[in-house]
Amino acid sequence: MTAPILPAHLSIPQIAMPSAAPQTTASGGAFQSAFADAVAKVESFQQNAQASVNKFLSGEGEELHKVAINTQQAELSFQLFMQMRNKIVTAYNQVMQMQI
């Protein structure tokens, strides 16, 4: 089974697997930067959608279909982000419940 292909603006950043060496703050930094990038992308989509709606409502010539596409893009990116967050929280909880 192949992985679904996402548009470039919704691509999931690749994170290198940590080696057997002791973990350093660099691996945490990679996750933190990937998470910050994802949040920034979701915010930019939402700001773009809001600007598009404002232009349409003020009569600045924004076309209705562009408004609909921008708002749908913002909604889908937020839903994808929330599902990724849910998976990460579930994985974290499973790791924390493992007995050593």
N, C-alpha and C. Protein backbone atom coordinates (compact mmCIF):
# COMPACT_ATOMS: atom_id res chain seq x y z
N MET A 1 0.85 -1.17 0.00
CA MET A 1 0.00 0.00 0.00
C MET A 1 0.89 1.24 0.00
N THR A 2 0.59 2.18 -0.85
CA THR A 2 1.41 3.38 -0.95
C THR A 2 0.83 4.48 -0.08
N ALA A 3 1.69 5.38 0.33
CA ALA A 3 1.27 6.51 1.15
C ALA A 3 0.54 7.52 0.28
N PRO A 4 -0.46 8.21 0.83
CA PRO A 4 -1.16 9.21 0.03
C PRO A 4 -0.23 10.36 -0.31
N ILE A 5 -0.43 10.91 -1.49
CA ILE A 5 0.38 12.03 -1.95
C ILE A 5 -0.32 13.32 -1.57
N LEU A 6 0.38 14.18 -0.83
CA LEU A 6 -0.19 15.44 -0.40
C LEU A 6 0.33 16.56 -1.28
N PRO A 7 -0.46 17.61 -1.45
CA PRO A 7 0.05 18.78 -2.17
C PRO A 7 1.26 19.34 -1.46
N ALA A 8 2.09 20.06 -2.20
CA ALA A 8 3.35 20.57 -1.65
C ALA A 8 3.14 21.45 -0.43
N HIS A 9 2.06 22.23 -0.40
CA HIS A 9 1.84 23.13 0.73
C HIS A 9 1.38 22.39 1.98
N LEU A 10 0.96 21.12 1.84
CA LEU A 10 0.54 20.35 2.99
C LEU A 10 1.51 19.20 3.30
N SER A 11 2.67 19.21 2.69
CA SER A 11 3.60 18.11 2.87
C SER A 11 4.08 18.05 4.31
N ILE A 12 4.33 16.86 4.75
CA ILE A 12 4.79 16.63 6.11
C ILE A 12 6.31 16.62 6.08
N PRO A 13 6.95 17.47 6.89
CA PRO A 13 8.41 17.52 6.86
C PRO A 13 9.01 16.21 7.35
N GLN A 14 10.09 15.79 6.71
CA GLN A 14 10.76 14.56 7.10
C GLN A 14 11.68 14.83 8.28
N ILE A 15 11.60 13.98 9.28
CA ILE A 15 12.43 14.11 10.46
C ILE A 15 13.37 12.91 10.50
N ALA A 16 14.65 13.17 10.63
CA ALA A 16 15.63 12.10 10.65
C ALA A 16 15.45 11.28 11.93
N MET A 17 15.60 9.97 11.79
CA MET A 17 15.49 9.08 12.94
C MET A 17 16.73 9.26 13.81
N PRO A 18 16.54 9.31 15.14
CA PRO A 18 17.70 9.45 16.02
C PRO A 18 18.56 8.19 15.98
N SER A 19 19.86 8.37 16.13
CA SER A 19 20.78 7.23 16.13
C SER A 19 20.78 6.58 17.50
N ALA A 20 21.57 5.54 17.64
CA ALA A 20 21.64 4.82 18.91
C ALA A 20 22.39 5.62 19.97
N ALA A 21 23.03 6.69 19.57
CA ALA A 21 23.76 7.53 20.51
C ALA A 21 22.77 8.22 21.45
N PRO A 22 23.24 8.66 22.61
CA PRO A 22 22.34 9.35 23.53
C PRO A 22 21.70 10.57 22.87
N GLN A 23 20.45 10.79 23.24
CA GLN A 23 19.73 11.90 22.64
C GLN A 23 20.28 13.23 23.17
N THR A 24 20.31 14.18 22.28
CA THR A 24 20.72 15.52 22.65
C THR A 24 19.55 16.45 22.38
N THR A 25 19.74 17.70 22.65
CA THR A 25 18.67 18.67 22.40
C THR A 25 18.45 18.89 20.92
N ALA A 26 19.37 18.43 20.07
CA ALA A 26 19.23 18.61 18.63
C ALA A 26 18.01 17.86 18.11
N SER A 27 17.78 16.62 18.60
CA SER A 27 16.61 15.87 18.12
C SER A 27 15.33 16.54 18.59
N GLY A 28 15.32 17.08 19.79
CA GLY A 28 14.17 17.83 20.26
C GLY A 28 14.00 19.11 19.47
N GLY A 29 15.11 19.70 19.06
CA GLY A 29 15.07 20.91 18.25
C GLY A 29 14.49 20.65 16.87
N ALA A 30 14.77 19.46 16.31
CA ALA A 30 14.23 19.11 14.99
C ALA A 30 12.72 18.98 15.07
N PHE A 31 12.24 18.33 16.11
CA PHE A 31 10.79 18.20 16.28
C PHE A 31 10.17 19.56 16.53
N GLN A 32 10.81 20.35 17.36
CA GLN A 32 10.28 21.67 17.67
C GLN A 32 10.21 22.55 16.42
N SER A 33 11.24 22.50 15.59
CA SER A 33 11.22 23.31 14.38
C SER A 33 10.18 22.80 13.38
N ALA A 34 10.01 21.48 13.28
CA ALA A 34 8.98 20.92 12.39
C ALA A 34 7.59 21.32 12.87
N PHE A 35 7.39 21.28 14.18
CA PHE A 35 6.10 21.67 14.75
C PHE A 35 5.84 23.16 14.55
N ALA A 36 6.86 23.98 14.75
CA ALA A 36 6.71 25.42 14.56
C ALA A 36 6.42 25.76 13.10
N ASP A 37 7.07 25.04 12.17
CA ASP A 37 6.80 25.25 10.75
C ASP A 37 5.36 24.88 10.40
N ALA A 38 4.87 23.78 10.96
CA ALA A 38 3.49 23.36 10.70
C ALA A 38 2.50 24.39 11.23
N VAL A 39 2.75 24.90 12.42
CA VAL A 39 1.88 25.93 13.00
C VAL A 39 1.91 27.19 12.14
N ALA A 40 3.09 27.57 11.68
CA ALA A 40 3.22 28.77 10.85
C ALA A 40 2.46 28.61 9.53
N LYS A 41 2.52 27.42 8.93
CA LYS A 41 1.80 27.19 7.67
C LYS A 41 0.29 27.27 7.89
N VAL A 42 -0.19 26.67 8.96
CA VAL A 42 -1.63 26.72 9.25
C VAL A 42 -2.06 28.16 9.49
N GLU A 43 -1.26 28.90 10.23
CA GLU A 43 -1.59 30.31 10.48
C GLU A 43 -1.59 31.12 9.19
N SER A 44 -0.63 30.87 8.30
CA SER A 44 -0.59 31.63 7.05
C SER A 44 -1.79 31.31 6.17
N PHE A 45 -2.23 30.05 6.14
CA PHE A 45 -3.42 29.70 5.38
C PHE A 45 -4.65 30.40 5.95
N GLN A 46 -4.74 30.46 7.28
CA GLN A 46 -5.89 31.11 7.89
C GLN A 46 -5.85 32.62 7.67
N GLN A 47 -4.69 33.23 7.72
CA GLN A 47 -4.59 34.66 7.46
C GLN A 47 -4.93 34.97 6.00
N ASN A 48 -4.49 34.11 5.09
CA ASN A 48 -4.79 34.28 3.67
C ASN A 48 -6.30 34.17 3.44
N ALA A 49 -6.94 33.21 4.08
CA ALA A 49 -8.38 33.05 3.94
C ALA A 49 -9.12 34.26 4.51
N GLN A 50 -8.68 34.75 5.66
CA GLN A 50 -9.32 35.91 6.27
C GLN A 50 -9.17 37.15 5.39
N ALA A 51 -7.99 37.34 4.82
CA ALA A 51 -7.76 38.48 3.94
C ALA A 51 -8.64 38.37 2.69
N SER A 52 -8.79 37.15 2.18
CA SER A 52 -9.62 36.94 1.00
C SER A 52 -11.08 37.24 1.31
N VAL A 53 -11.57 36.82 2.46
CA VAL A 53 -12.95 37.11 2.86
C VAL A 53 -13.15 38.60 3.04
N ASN A 54 -12.20 39.26 3.67
CA ASN A 54 -12.31 40.71 3.88
C ASN A 54 -12.34 41.46 2.56
N LYS A 55 -11.50 41.04 1.60
CA LYS A 55 -11.50 41.69 0.29
C LYS A 55 -12.85 41.49 -0.41
N PHE A 56 -13.39 40.29 -0.30
CA PHE A 56 -14.67 40.00 -0.95
C PHE A 56 -15.79 40.83 -0.33
N LEU A 57 -15.80 40.90 1.00
CA LEU A 57 -16.87 41.63 1.69
C LEU A 57 -16.76 43.14 1.48
N SER A 58 -15.56 43.64 1.27
CA SER A 58 -15.40 45.08 1.06
C SER A 58 -15.56 45.47 -0.41
N GLY A 59 -15.74 44.48 -1.28
CA GLY A 59 -15.96 44.77 -2.69
C GLY A 59 -14.71 45.09 -3.46
N GLU A 60 -13.57 44.57 -3.05
CA GLU A 60 -12.30 44.87 -3.71
C GLU A 60 -12.04 43.97 -4.92
N GLY A 61 -13.05 43.28 -5.40
CA GLY A 61 -12.90 42.49 -6.61
C GLY A 61 -12.44 41.06 -6.40
N GLU A 62 -12.45 40.57 -5.19
CA GLU A 62 -12.07 39.18 -4.93
C GLU A 62 -13.20 38.28 -5.44
N GLU A 63 -12.86 37.25 -6.19
CA GLU A 63 -13.86 36.37 -6.76
C GLU A 63 -14.32 35.36 -5.71
N LEU A 64 -15.59 35.00 -5.77
CA LEU A 64 -16.20 34.12 -4.77
C LEU A 64 -15.52 32.75 -4.75
N HIS A 65 -15.19 32.20 -5.90
CA HIS A 65 -14.58 30.87 -5.91
C HIS A 65 -13.20 30.88 -5.26
N LYS A 66 -12.47 31.98 -5.39
CA LYS A 66 -11.16 32.08 -4.72
C LYS A 66 -11.35 32.15 -3.20
N VAL A 67 -12.39 32.85 -2.77
CA VAL A 67 -12.69 32.93 -1.34
C VAL A 67 -13.00 31.54 -0.80
N ALA A 68 -13.84 30.80 -1.54
CA ALA A 68 -14.21 29.45 -1.11
C ALA A 68 -13.00 28.52 -1.07
N ILE A 69 -12.15 28.62 -2.07
CA ILE A 69 -10.96 27.76 -2.11
C ILE A 69 -10.02 28.10 -0.96
N ASN A 70 -9.80 29.38 -0.71
CA ASN A 70 -8.90 29.78 0.38
C ASN A 70 -9.43 29.36 1.75
N THR A 71 -10.73 29.52 1.96
CA THR A 71 -11.29 29.12 3.26
C THR A 71 -11.26 27.60 3.42
N GLN A 72 -11.52 26.87 2.35
CA GLN A 72 -11.46 25.40 2.42
C GLN A 72 -10.03 24.93 2.66
N GLN A 73 -9.07 25.59 2.02
CA GLN A 73 -7.67 25.24 2.22
C GLN A 73 -7.26 25.47 3.68
N ALA A 74 -7.70 26.57 4.25
CA ALA A 74 -7.39 26.86 5.65
C ALA A 74 -8.03 25.83 6.57
N GLU A 75 -9.26 25.47 6.28
CA GLU A 75 -9.96 24.49 7.11
C GLU A 75 -9.29 23.12 7.03
N LEU A 76 -8.95 22.69 5.83
CA LEU A 76 -8.31 21.39 5.66
C LEU A 76 -6.93 21.34 6.30
N SER A 77 -6.17 22.41 6.18
CA SER A 77 -4.84 22.42 6.80
C SER A 77 -4.96 22.36 8.33
N PHE A 78 -5.97 23.04 8.87
CA PHE A 78 -6.17 22.99 10.32
C PHE A 78 -6.60 21.59 10.77
N GLN A 79 -7.49 20.96 10.00
CA GLN A 79 -7.93 19.60 10.35
C GLN A 79 -6.77 18.62 10.28
N LEU A 80 -5.93 18.75 9.24
CA LEU A 80 -4.75 17.88 9.12
C LEU A 80 -3.81 18.09 10.30
N PHE A 81 -3.59 19.34 10.67
CA PHE A 81 -2.73 19.65 11.80
C PHE A 81 -3.28 19.03 13.09
N MET A 82 -4.58 19.14 13.30
CA MET A 82 -5.19 18.59 14.52
C MET A 82 -5.08 17.06 14.55
N GLN A 83 -5.24 16.41 13.40
CA GLN A 83 -5.10 14.96 13.36
C GLN A 83 -3.66 14.54 13.64
N MET A 84 -2.70 15.29 13.12
CA MET A 84 -1.30 15.00 13.42
C MET A 84 -1.03 15.18 14.91
N ARG A 85 -1.58 16.23 15.49
CA ARG A 85 -1.40 16.48 16.92
C ARG A 85 -2.00 15.32 17.73
N ASN A 86 -3.19 14.88 17.34
CA ASN A 86 -3.84 13.77 18.05
C ASN A 86 -2.99 12.50 17.99
N LYS A 87 -2.41 12.22 16.83
CA LYS A 87 -1.56 11.04 16.69
C LYS A 87 -0.31 11.16 17.56
N ILE A 88 0.27 12.34 17.62
CA ILE A 88 1.46 12.54 18.44
C ILE A 88 1.14 12.38 19.92
N VAL A 89 0.01 12.91 20.36
CA VAL A 89 -0.39 12.78 21.75
C VAL A 89 -0.67 11.32 22.09
N THR A 90 -1.33 10.60 21.19
CA THR A 90 -1.60 9.19 21.41
C THR A 90 -0.30 8.40 21.50
N ALA A 91 0.64 8.66 20.61
CA ALA A 91 1.93 7.97 20.65
C ALA A 91 2.68 8.28 21.94
N TYR A 92 2.65 9.54 22.36
CA TYR A 92 3.30 9.93 23.61
C TYR A 92 2.69 9.19 24.79
N ASN A 93 1.36 9.12 24.83
CA ASN A 93 0.69 8.42 25.93
C ASN A 93 1.03 6.93 25.94
N GLN A 94 1.13 6.32 24.76
CA GLN A 94 1.49 4.91 24.70
C GLN A 94 2.92 4.68 25.18
N VAL A 95 3.83 5.57 24.82
CA VAL A 95 5.21 5.43 25.28
C VAL A 95 5.26 5.60 26.79
N MET A 96 4.51 6.54 27.33
CA MET A 96 4.54 6.78 28.78
C MET A 96 3.92 5.61 29.55
N GLN A 97 3.06 4.84 28.93
CA GLN A 97 2.42 3.70 29.61
C GLN A 97 3.24 2.42 29.52
N MET A 98 4.32 2.44 28.71
CA MET A 98 5.17 1.25 28.60
C MET A 98 5.88 1.00 29.92
N GLN A 99 5.94 -0.28 30.26
CA GLN A 99 6.67 -0.64 31.48
C GLN A 99 8.11 -0.96 31.13
N ILE A 100 8.98 -0.49 31.98
CA ILE A 100 10.42 -0.69 31.72
C ILE A 100 10.90 -1.91 32.47
